[in-house]
Amino acid sequence: MLPDEMDTLQAAFTALQHLLGQFDDRGVIIGGVASGFLGKPRLTVDIDAVFLLSVDEIPRLLQAAEVEGIEPRLENVVEFARQNRVLLLRHSASGVNIDISLGILPFEEEMVTRSVVHRVGALSLRLPTPEDLIIIKAVAHRPKDLLDIQAIAENNPDLDLSRIQYWVQVFAQALDQPDLWQELQAFLQADP
Protein backbone atom coordinates (compact mmCIF):
# COMPACT_ATOMS: atom_id res chain seq x y z
CA MET A 1 0.00 0.00 0.00
CA LEU A 2 1.33 3.42 -0.94
CA PRO A 3 1.79 6.15 1.72
CA ASP A 4 -1.01 8.29 0.23
CA GLU A 5 -3.40 5.32 0.27
CA MET A 6 -2.48 4.62 3.90
CA ASP A 7 -3.12 8.26 4.85
CA THR A 8 -6.49 8.09 3.08
CA LEU A 9 -7.50 4.94 4.96
CA GLN A 10 -6.17 6.31 8.24
CA ALA A 11 -8.38 9.40 7.90
CA ALA A 12 -11.44 7.19 7.36
CA PHE A 13 -10.47 4.87 10.25
CA THR A 14 -9.98 7.84 12.56
CA ALA A 15 -13.37 9.33 11.63
CA LEU A 16 -15.10 5.98 12.17
CA GLN A 17 -13.36 5.39 15.49
CA HIS A 18 -14.41 8.90 16.67
CA LEU A 19 -17.97 8.09 15.60
CA LEU A 20 -17.87 4.81 17.52
CA GLY A 21 -16.63 6.71 20.59
CA GLN A 22 -19.73 8.91 20.47
CA PHE A 23 -21.78 5.75 20.99
CA ASP A 24 -19.81 4.52 24.02
CA ASP A 25 -17.68 2.18 21.88
CA ARG A 26 -20.72 -0.07 21.37
CA GLY A 27 -19.32 -1.42 18.14
CA VAL A 28 -16.43 -3.04 16.37
CA ILE A 29 -14.68 -2.90 13.00
CA ILE A 30 -15.04 -6.12 11.02
CA GLY A 31 -14.49 -7.24 7.41
CA GLY A 32 -11.28 -7.08 5.44
CA VAL A 33 -9.71 -4.52 7.75
CA ALA A 34 -10.08 -6.76 10.80
CA SER A 35 -8.91 -9.75 8.75
CA GLY A 36 -5.78 -7.83 7.81
CA PHE A 37 -4.96 -7.16 11.45
CA LEU A 38 -5.86 -10.60 12.81
CA GLY A 39 -4.88 -12.74 9.82
CA LYS A 40 -2.75 -11.46 6.99
CA PRO A 41 -2.98 -8.13 5.20
CA ARG A 42 -5.08 -8.07 2.06
CA LEU A 43 -6.46 -5.42 -0.22
CA THR A 44 -9.77 -3.98 0.90
CA VAL A 45 -11.54 -0.95 -0.48
CA ASP A 46 -14.04 -0.26 2.28
CA ILE A 47 -14.53 -0.40 6.03
CA ASP A 48 -17.19 -2.56 7.65
CA ALA A 49 -18.40 -2.16 11.23
CA VAL A 50 -21.12 -3.36 13.57
CA PHE A 51 -22.67 -0.85 15.97
CA LEU A 52 -25.07 -2.02 18.70
CA LEU A 53 -27.81 0.46 17.86
CA SER A 54 -31.52 0.24 17.19
CA VAL A 55 -33.11 1.54 14.02
CA ASP A 56 -34.54 4.35 16.17
CA GLU A 57 -30.98 5.64 16.65
CA ILE A 58 -30.32 5.99 12.88
CA PRO A 59 -31.02 9.76 12.78
CA ARG A 60 -28.65 10.38 15.73
CA LEU A 61 -26.00 8.18 14.11
CA LEU A 62 -26.29 10.05 10.81
CA GLN A 63 -26.05 13.41 12.57
CA ALA A 64 -22.93 12.33 14.47
CA ALA A 65 -21.46 10.81 11.29
CA GLU A 66 -21.89 14.10 9.45
CA VAL A 67 -19.78 15.86 12.08
CA GLU A 68 -17.01 13.30 11.36
CA GLY A 69 -17.25 13.90 7.61
CA ILE A 70 -19.12 10.66 6.97
CA GLU A 71 -22.10 11.00 4.65
CA PRO A 72 -24.80 8.73 3.19
CA ARG A 73 -24.12 6.98 -0.13
CA LEU A 74 -27.83 6.63 -0.84
CA GLU A 75 -30.58 9.19 -1.12
CA ASN A 76 -32.97 7.06 0.93
CA VAL A 77 -30.37 5.91 3.46
CA VAL A 78 -32.74 5.90 6.45
CA GLU A 79 -35.38 3.78 4.71
CA PHE A 80 -32.69 1.40 3.41
CA ALA A 81 -31.15 1.11 6.89
CA ARG A 82 -34.51 0.43 8.54
CA GLN A 83 -35.19 -2.39 6.06
CA ASN A 84 -31.69 -3.90 5.90
CA ARG A 85 -30.15 -2.87 9.24
CA VAL A 86 -27.10 -1.43 7.46
CA LEU A 87 -26.08 2.16 6.78
CA LEU A 88 -24.20 2.69 3.51
CA LEU A 89 -21.92 5.65 4.11
CA ARG A 90 -18.79 7.30 2.69
CA HIS A 91 -15.99 9.23 4.34
CA SER A 92 -16.20 12.33 2.16
CA ALA A 93 -12.57 13.53 2.45
CA SER A 94 -11.06 10.15 1.52
CA GLY A 95 -13.85 8.65 -0.59
CA VAL A 96 -13.65 5.42 1.47
CA ASN A 97 -16.97 3.58 1.75
CA ILE A 98 -18.10 2.68 5.26
CA ASP A 99 -20.85 0.12 5.90
CA ILE A 100 -22.27 0.10 9.43
CA SER A 101 -24.47 -2.85 10.36
CA LEU A 102 -26.89 -2.30 13.22
CA GLY A 103 -26.31 -5.23 15.55
CA ILE A 104 -28.98 -6.72 17.80
CA LEU A 105 -28.18 -10.43 18.02
CA PRO A 106 -26.82 -11.95 21.25
CA PHE A 107 -23.69 -12.97 19.34
CA GLU A 108 -23.12 -9.38 18.19
CA GLU A 109 -23.52 -8.12 21.75
CA GLU A 110 -20.95 -10.67 22.95
CA MET A 111 -18.61 -9.79 20.07
CA VAL A 112 -18.64 -6.11 21.03
CA THR A 113 -18.21 -6.86 24.74
CA ARG A 114 -15.22 -9.12 23.98
CA SER A 115 -13.64 -6.71 21.45
CA VAL A 116 -10.10 -5.42 21.86
CA VAL A 117 -8.52 -2.09 20.87
CA HIS A 118 -5.51 -2.64 18.59
CA ARG A 119 -2.96 0.15 18.23
CA VAL A 120 -0.77 0.60 15.17
CA GLY A 121 1.22 3.81 15.30
CA ALA A 122 -1.22 6.64 15.96
CA LEU A 123 -4.16 4.50 14.87
CA SER A 124 -6.43 2.70 17.35
CA LEU A 125 -9.09 0.29 16.10
CA ARG A 126 -11.66 -1.70 18.08
CA LEU A 127 -11.63 -5.19 16.56
CA PRO A 128 -13.37 -8.47 17.40
CA THR A 129 -11.44 -11.37 18.87
CA PRO A 130 -10.02 -13.79 16.29
CA GLU A 131 -12.71 -16.32 17.25
CA ASP A 132 -15.55 -13.85 16.73
CA LEU A 133 -14.19 -12.70 13.38
CA ILE A 134 -13.95 -16.34 12.26
CA ILE A 135 -17.61 -16.83 13.24
CA ILE A 136 -18.68 -13.81 11.19
CA LYS A 137 -16.63 -14.97 8.22
CA ALA A 138 -17.97 -18.52 8.49
CA VAL A 139 -21.53 -17.23 8.26
CA ALA A 140 -20.69 -15.02 5.23
CA HIS A 141 -18.97 -18.07 3.72
CA ARG A 142 -17.57 -16.45 0.54
CA PRO A 143 -14.29 -17.74 -0.91
CA LYS A 144 -12.36 -14.72 0.41
CA ASP A 145 -13.90 -15.24 3.87
CA LEU A 146 -12.69 -18.84 3.93
CA LEU A 147 -9.17 -17.70 3.04
CA ASP A 148 -9.37 -15.07 5.78
CA ILE A 149 -10.42 -17.77 8.26
CA GLN A 150 -7.41 -19.85 7.34
CA ALA A 151 -5.05 -16.86 7.78
CA ILE A 152 -6.62 -15.91 11.12
CA ALA A 153 -6.27 -19.49 12.35
CA GLU A 154 -2.61 -19.59 11.26
CA ASN A 155 -1.85 -16.34 13.13
CA ASN A 156 -3.78 -17.36 16.24
CA PRO A 157 -2.93 -20.97 17.11
CA ASP A 158 -4.64 -20.87 20.54
CA LEU A 159 -8.18 -20.27 19.28
CA ASP A 160 -11.14 -21.15 21.48
CA LEU A 161 -12.54 -23.76 19.09
CA SER A 162 -15.45 -24.58 21.38
CA ARG A 163 -16.71 -20.97 21.11
CA ILE A 164 -16.35 -21.02 17.35
CA GLN A 165 -18.11 -24.38 17.09
CA TYR A 166 -20.98 -23.32 19.35
CA TRP A 167 -21.80 -20.12 17.45
CA VAL A 168 -21.21 -21.57 13.98
CA GLN A 169 -23.61 -24.39 14.82
CA VAL A 170 -26.20 -21.90 16.12
CA PHE A 171 -25.97 -19.91 12.88
CA ALA A 172 -25.87 -23.09 10.77
CA GLN A 173 -29.17 -24.21 12.27
CA ALA A 174 -30.78 -20.77 11.79
CA LEU A 175 -29.55 -20.61 8.17
CA ASP A 176 -30.39 -24.26 7.44
CA GLN A 177 -26.76 -25.03 6.56
CA PRO A 178 -26.12 -28.20 8.59
CA ASP A 179 -22.63 -28.80 7.12
CA LEU A 180 -21.25 -25.35 7.98
CA TRP A 181 -19.20 -26.48 11.00
CA GLN A 182 -17.71 -29.47 9.16
CA GLU A 183 -16.70 -27.25 6.23
CA LEU A 184 -15.19 -24.69 8.59
CA GLN A 185 -13.11 -27.29 10.43
CA ALA A 186 -11.17 -27.99 7.23
CA PHE A 187 -10.12 -24.33 7.01
CA LEU A 188 -9.27 -24.11 10.71
CA GLN A 189 -6.97 -27.11 10.46
CA ALA A 190 -5.51 -26.56 6.97
CA ASP A 191 -1.76 -26.19 6.65
CA PRO A 192 -0.44 -23.10 4.85
C-alpha atoms as a PDB file:
ATOM      1  CA  MET A   1       0.000   0.000   0.000  1.00  0.00           C
ATOM      2  CA  LEU A   2       1.332   3.422  -0.939  1.00  0.00           C
ATOM      3  CA  PRO A   3       1.790   6.151   1.719  1.00  0.00           C
ATOM      4  CA  ASP A   4      -1.006   8.290   0.226  1.00  0.00           C
ATOM      5  CA  GLU A   5      -3.397   5.318   0.273  1.00  0.00           C
ATOM      6  CA  MET A   6      -2.484   4.615   3.903  1.00  0.00           C
ATOM      7  CA  ASP A   7      -3.116   8.258   4.847  1.00  0.00           C
ATOM      8  CA  THR A   8      -6.487   8.086   3.082  1.00  0.00           C
ATOM      9  CA  LEU A   9      -7.500   4.939   4.957  1.00  0.00           C
ATOM     10  CA  GLN A  10      -6.166   6.310   8.241  1.00  0.00           C
ATOM     11  CA  ALA A  11      -8.381   9.403   7.898  1.00  0.00           C
ATOM     12  CA  ALA A  12     -11.436   7.188   7.363  1.00  0.00           C
ATOM     13  CA  PHE A  13     -10.469   4.874  10.255  1.00  0.00           C
ATOM     14  CA  THR A  14      -9.981   7.841  12.563  1.00  0.00           C
ATOM     15  CA  ALA A  15     -13.365   9.330  11.633  1.00  0.00           C
ATOM     16  CA  LEU A  16     -15.103   5.985  12.165  1.00  0.00           C
ATOM     17  CA  GLN A  17     -13.365   5.387  15.493  1.00  0.00           C
ATOM     18  CA  HIS A  18     -14.407   8.900  16.665  1.00  0.00           C
ATOM     19  CA  LEU A  19     -17.970   8.086  15.600  1.00  0.00           C
ATOM     20  CA  LEU A  20     -17.868   4.815  17.523  1.00  0.00           C
ATOM     21  CA  GLY A  21     -16.631   6.710  20.593  1.00  0.00           C
ATOM     22  CA  GLN A  22     -19.730   8.910  20.471  1.00  0.00           C
ATOM     23  CA  PHE A  23     -21.783   5.752  20.990  1.00  0.00           C
ATOM     24  CA  ASP A  24     -19.810   4.521  24.024  1.00  0.00           C
ATOM     25  CA  ASP A  25     -17.683   2.184  21.876  1.00  0.00           C
ATOM     26  CA  ARG A  26     -20.722  -0.072  21.366  1.00  0.00           C
ATOM     27  CA  GLY A  27     -19.322  -1.416  18.135  1.00  0.00           C
ATOM     28  CA  VAL A  28     -16.434  -3.037  16.375  1.00  0.00           C
ATOM     29  CA  ILE A  29     -14.679  -2.896  13.002  1.00  0.00           C
ATOM     30  CA  ILE A  30     -15.036  -6.123  11.020  1.00  0.00           C
ATOM     31  CA  GLY A  31     -14.494  -7.240   7.409  1.00  0.00           C
ATOM     32  CA  GLY A  32     -11.276  -7.085   5.436  1.00  0.00           C
ATOM     33  CA  VAL A  33      -9.709  -4.518   7.750  1.00  0.00           C
ATOM     34  CA  ALA A  34     -10.085  -6.762  10.797  1.00  0.00           C
ATOM     35  CA  SER A  35      -8.907  -9.749   8.752  1.00  0.00           C
ATOM     36  CA  GLY A  36      -5.782  -7.829   7.811  1.00  0.00           C
ATOM     37  CA  PHE A  37      -4.958  -7.161  11.450  1.00  0.00           C
ATOM     38  CA  LEU A  38      -5.863 -10.595  12.814  1.00  0.00           C
ATOM     39  CA  GLY A  39      -4.881 -12.738   9.823  1.00  0.00           C
ATOM     40  CA  LYS A  40      -2.748 -11.461   6.992  1.00  0.00           C
ATOM     41  CA  PRO A  41      -2.983  -8.128   5.197  1.00  0.00           C
ATOM     42  CA  ARG A  42      -5.078  -8.074   2.056  1.00  0.00           C
ATOM     43  CA  LEU A  43      -6.462  -5.417  -0.216  1.00  0.00           C
ATOM     44  CA  THR A  44      -9.774  -3.981   0.898  1.00  0.00           C
ATOM     45  CA  VAL A  45     -11.536  -0.951  -0.482  1.00  0.00           C
ATOM     46  CA  ASP A  46     -14.036  -0.255   2.282  1.00  0.00           C
ATOM     47  CA  ILE A  47     -14.533  -0.400   6.030  1.00  0.00           C
ATOM     48  CA  ASP A  48     -17.194  -2.562   7.655  1.00  0.00           C
ATOM     49  CA  ALA A  49     -18.398  -2.159  11.226  1.00  0.00           C
ATOM     50  CA  VAL A  50     -21.123  -3.363  13.567  1.00  0.00           C
ATOM     51  CA  PHE A  51     -22.665  -0.848  15.975  1.00  0.00           C
ATOM     52  CA  LEU A  52     -25.065  -2.020  18.699  1.00  0.00           C
ATOM     53  CA  LEU A  53     -27.808   0.458  17.860  1.00  0.00           C
ATOM     54  CA  SER A  54     -31.524   0.235  17.192  1.00  0.00           C
ATOM     55  CA  VAL A  55     -33.115   1.544  14.024  1.00  0.00           C
ATOM     56  CA  ASP A  56     -34.541   4.346  16.174  1.00  0.00           C
ATOM     57  CA  GLU A  57     -30.981   5.641  16.645  1.00  0.00           C
ATOM     58  CA  ILE A  58     -30.319   5.991  12.879  1.00  0.00           C
ATOM     59  CA  PRO A  59     -31.018   9.764  12.785  1.00  0.00           C
ATOM     60  CA  ARG A  60     -28.655  10.378  15.731  1.00  0.00           C
ATOM     61  CA  LEU A  61     -25.999   8.179  14.114  1.00  0.00           C
ATOM     62  CA  LEU A  62     -26.295  10.051  10.806  1.00  0.00           C
ATOM     63  CA  GLN A  63     -26.049  13.408  12.566  1.00  0.00           C
ATOM     64  CA  ALA A  64     -22.932  12.329  14.474  1.00  0.00           C
ATOM     65  CA  ALA A  65     -21.461  10.815  11.291  1.00  0.00           C
ATOM     66  CA  GLU A  66     -21.891  14.105   9.449  1.00  0.00           C
ATOM     67  CA  VAL A  67     -19.777  15.859  12.082  1.00  0.00           C
ATOM     68  CA  GLU A  68     -17.013  13.298  11.364  1.00  0.00           C
ATOM     69  CA  GLY A  69     -17.249  13.899   7.609  1.00  0.00           C
ATOM     70  CA  ILE A  70     -19.117  10.656   6.968  1.00  0.00           C
ATOM     71  CA  GLU A  71     -22.105  11.003   4.654  1.00  0.00           C
ATOM     72  CA  PRO A  72     -24.803   8.728   3.193  1.00  0.00           C
ATOM     73  CA  ARG A  73     -24.121   6.981  -0.125  1.00  0.00           C
ATOM     74  CA  LEU A  74     -27.833   6.627  -0.844  1.00  0.00           C
ATOM     75  CA  GLU A  75     -30.576   9.187  -1.121  1.00  0.00           C
ATOM     76  CA  ASN A  76     -32.972   7.056   0.930  1.00  0.00           C
ATOM     77  CA  VAL A  77     -30.366   5.913   3.460  1.00  0.00           C
ATOM     78  CA  VAL A  78     -32.740   5.901   6.453  1.00  0.00           C
ATOM     79  CA  GLU A  79     -35.376   3.783   4.706  1.00  0.00           C
ATOM     80  CA  PHE A  80     -32.691   1.397   3.408  1.00  0.00           C
ATOM     81  CA  ALA A  81     -31.151   1.108   6.893  1.00  0.00           C
ATOM     82  CA  ARG A  82     -34.507   0.427   8.536  1.00  0.00           C
ATOM     83  CA  GLN A  83     -35.188  -2.395   6.060  1.00  0.00           C
ATOM     84  CA  ASN A  84     -31.688  -3.905   5.905  1.00  0.00           C
ATOM     85  CA  ARG A  85     -30.146  -2.867   9.244  1.00  0.00           C
ATOM     86  CA  VAL A  86     -27.102  -1.427   7.460  1.00  0.00           C
ATOM     87  CA  LEU A  87     -26.078   2.161   6.777  1.00  0.00           C
ATOM     88  CA  LEU A  88     -24.203   2.688   3.515  1.00  0.00           C
ATOM     89  CA  LEU A  89     -21.918   5.652   4.108  1.00  0.00           C
ATOM     90  CA  ARG A  90     -18.789   7.296   2.688  1.00  0.00           C
ATOM     91  CA  HIS A  91     -15.990   9.232   4.344  1.00  0.00           C
ATOM     92  CA  SER A  92     -16.198  12.335   2.157  1.00  0.00           C
ATOM     93  CA  ALA A  93     -12.571  13.527   2.448  1.00  0.00           C
ATOM     94  CA  SER A  94     -11.059  10.154   1.522  1.00  0.00           C
ATOM     95  CA  GLY A  95     -13.846   8.648  -0.590  1.00  0.00           C
ATOM     96  CA  VAL A  96     -13.654   5.419   1.467  1.00  0.00           C
ATOM     97  CA  ASN A  97     -16.968   3.576   1.754  1.00  0.00           C
ATOM     98  CA  ILE A  98     -18.103   2.678   5.265  1.00  0.00           C
ATOM     99  CA  ASP A  99     -20.853   0.117   5.901  1.00  0.00           C
ATOM    100  CA  ILE A 100     -22.269   0.103   9.433  1.00  0.00           C
ATOM    101  CA  SER A 101     -24.470  -2.851  10.361  1.00  0.00           C
ATOM    102  CA  LEU A 102     -26.891  -2.299  13.224  1.00  0.00           C
ATOM    103  CA  GLY A 103     -26.310  -5.229  15.547  1.00  0.00           C
ATOM    104  CA  ILE A 104     -28.980  -6.717  17.803  1.00  0.00           C
ATOM    105  CA  LEU A 105     -28.180 -10.425  18.017  1.00  0.00           C
ATOM    106  CA  PRO A 106     -26.817 -11.946  21.245  1.00  0.00           C
ATOM    107  CA  PHE A 107     -23.689 -12.974  19.342  1.00  0.00           C
ATOM    108  CA  GLU A 108     -23.124  -9.378  18.185  1.00  0.00           C
ATOM    109  CA  GLU A 109     -23.518  -8.124  21.749  1.00  0.00           C
ATOM    110  CA  GLU A 110     -20.946 -10.667  22.952  1.00  0.00           C
ATOM    111  CA  MET A 111     -18.613  -9.791  20.072  1.00  0.00           C
ATOM    112  CA  VAL A 112     -18.643  -6.106  21.033  1.00  0.00           C
ATOM    113  CA  THR A 113     -18.214  -6.863  24.737  1.00  0.00           C
ATOM    114  CA  ARG A 114     -15.223  -9.116  23.981  1.00  0.00           C
ATOM    115  CA  SER A 115     -13.642  -6.710  21.452  1.00  0.00           C
ATOM    116  CA  VAL A 116     -10.095  -5.422  21.860  1.00  0.00           C
ATOM    117  CA  VAL A 117      -8.517  -2.093  20.866  1.00  0.00           C
ATOM    118  CA  HIS A 118      -5.510  -2.641  18.591  1.00  0.00           C
ATOM    119  CA  ARG A 119      -2.958   0.145  18.233  1.00  0.00           C
ATOM    120  CA  VAL A 120      -0.772   0.600  15.172  1.00  0.00           C
ATOM    121  CA  GLY A 121       1.224   3.808  15.303  1.00  0.00           C
ATOM    122  CA  ALA A 122      -1.224   6.641  15.961  1.00  0.00           C
ATOM    123  CA  LEU A 123      -4.160   4.498  14.866  1.00  0.00           C
ATOM    124  CA  SER A 124      -6.433   2.703  17.351  1.00  0.00           C
ATOM    125  CA  LEU A 125      -9.085   0.294  16.104  1.00  0.00           C
ATOM    126  CA  ARG A 126     -11.658  -1.695  18.075  1.00  0.00           C
ATOM    127  CA  LEU A 127     -11.634  -5.191  16.563  1.00  0.00           C
ATOM    128  CA  PRO A 128     -13.369  -8.472  17.397  1.00  0.00           C
ATOM    129  CA  THR A 129     -11.438 -11.367  18.875  1.00  0.00           C
ATOM    130  CA  PRO A 130     -10.023 -13.792  16.289  1.00  0.00           C
ATOM    131  CA  GLU A 131     -12.709 -16.322  17.252  1.00  0.00           C
ATOM    132  CA  ASP A 132     -15.546 -13.854  16.726  1.00  0.00           C
ATOM    133  CA  LEU A 133     -14.186 -12.703  13.378  1.00  0.00           C
ATOM    134  CA  ILE A 134     -13.954 -16.340  12.265  1.00  0.00           C
ATOM    135  CA  ILE A 135     -17.607 -16.832  13.242  1.00  0.00           C
ATOM    136  CA  ILE A 136     -18.685 -13.810  11.185  1.00  0.00           C
ATOM    137  CA  LYS A 137     -16.627 -14.965   8.224  1.00  0.00           C
ATOM    138  CA  ALA A 138     -17.972 -18.525   8.493  1.00  0.00           C
ATOM    139  CA  VAL A 139     -21.528 -17.226   8.258  1.00  0.00           C
ATOM    140  CA  ALA A 140     -20.686 -15.024   5.228  1.00  0.00           C
ATOM    141  CA  HIS A 141     -18.972 -18.075   3.721  1.00  0.00           C
ATOM    142  CA  ARG A 142     -17.573 -16.447   0.544  1.00  0.00           C
ATOM    143  CA  PRO A 143     -14.286 -17.744  -0.912  1.00  0.00           C
ATOM    144  CA  LYS A 144     -12.355 -14.717   0.411  1.00  0.00           C
ATOM    145  CA  ASP A 145     -13.900 -15.243   3.870  1.00  0.00           C
ATOM    146  CA  LEU A 146     -12.690 -18.837   3.932  1.00  0.00           C
ATOM    147  CA  LEU A 147      -9.165 -17.700   3.039  1.00  0.00           C
ATOM    148  CA  ASP A 148      -9.371 -15.073   5.780  1.00  0.00           C
ATOM    149  CA  ILE A 149     -10.424 -17.770   8.261  1.00  0.00           C
ATOM    150  CA  GLN A 150      -7.408 -19.853   7.344  1.00  0.00           C
ATOM    151  CA  ALA A 151      -5.053 -16.863   7.777  1.00  0.00           C
ATOM    152  CA  ILE A 152      -6.617 -15.906  11.122  1.00  0.00           C
ATOM    153  CA  ALA A 153      -6.268 -19.493  12.355  1.00  0.00           C
ATOM    154  CA  GLU A 154      -2.611 -19.595  11.259  1.00  0.00           C
ATOM    155  CA  ASN A 155      -1.851 -16.341  13.131  1.00  0.00           C
ATOM    156  CA  ASN A 156      -3.783 -17.362  16.242  1.00  0.00           C
ATOM    157  CA  PRO A 157      -2.933 -20.971  17.113  1.00  0.00           C
ATOM    158  CA  ASP A 158      -4.644 -20.868  20.541  1.00  0.00           C
ATOM    159  CA  LEU A 159      -8.182 -20.265  19.276  1.00  0.00           C
ATOM    160  CA  ASP A 160     -11.141 -21.150  21.478  1.00  0.00           C
ATOM    161  CA  LEU A 161     -12.536 -23.756  19.089  1.00  0.00           C
ATOM    162  CA  SER A 162     -15.452 -24.580  21.381  1.00  0.00           C
ATOM    163  CA  ARG A 163     -16.708 -20.971  21.112  1.00  0.00           C
ATOM    164  CA  ILE A 164     -16.355 -21.018  17.352  1.00  0.00           C
ATOM    165  CA  GLN A 165     -18.111 -24.380  17.093  1.00  0.00           C
ATOM    166  CA  TYR A 166     -20.977 -23.315  19.352  1.00  0.00           C
ATOM    167  CA  TRP A 167     -21.798 -20.117  17.446  1.00  0.00           C
ATOM    168  CA  VAL A 168     -21.209 -21.567  13.980  1.00  0.00           C
ATOM    169  CA  GLN A 169     -23.606 -24.391  14.819  1.00  0.00           C
ATOM    170  CA  VAL A 170     -26.200 -21.897  16.122  1.00  0.00           C
ATOM    171  CA  PHE A 171     -25.974 -19.911  12.876  1.00  0.00           C
ATOM    172  CA  ALA A 172     -25.874 -23.095  10.774  1.00  0.00           C
ATOM    173  CA  GLN A 173     -29.170 -24.214  12.273  1.00  0.00           C
ATOM    174  CA  ALA A 174     -30.776 -20.774  11.791  1.00  0.00           C
ATOM    175  CA  LEU A 175     -29.554 -20.611   8.172  1.00  0.00           C
ATOM    176  CA  ASP A 176     -30.393 -24.262   7.437  1.00  0.00           C
ATOM    177  CA  GLN A 177     -26.765 -25.029   6.560  1.00  0.00           C
ATOM    178  CA  PRO A 178     -26.116 -28.196   8.593  1.00  0.00           C
ATOM    179  CA  ASP A 179     -22.632 -28.801   7.124  1.00  0.00           C
ATOM    180  CA  LEU A 180     -21.245 -25.352   7.976  1.00  0.00           C
ATOM    181  CA  TRP A 181     -19.202 -26.476  11.002  1.00  0.00           C
ATOM    182  CA  GLN A 182     -17.714 -29.469   9.161  1.00  0.00           C
ATOM    183  CA  GLU A 183     -16.704 -27.245   6.234  1.00  0.00           C
ATOM    184  CA  LEU A 184     -15.187 -24.689   8.586  1.00  0.00           C
ATOM    185  CA  GLN A 185     -13.108 -27.290  10.425  1.00  0.00           C
ATOM    186  CA  ALA A 186     -11.166 -27.994   7.232  1.00  0.00           C
ATOM    187  CA  PHE A 187     -10.121 -24.329   7.015  1.00  0.00           C
ATOM    188  CA  LEU A 188      -9.267 -24.105  10.705  1.00  0.00           C
ATOM    189  CA  GLN A 189      -6.973 -27.111  10.461  1.00  0.00           C
ATOM    190  CA  ALA A 190      -5.514 -26.565   6.972  1.00  0.00           C
ATOM    191  CA  ASP A 191      -1.763 -26.194   6.651  1.00  0.00           C
ATOM    192  CA  PRO A 192      -0.436 -23.098   4.852  1.00  0.00           C
END
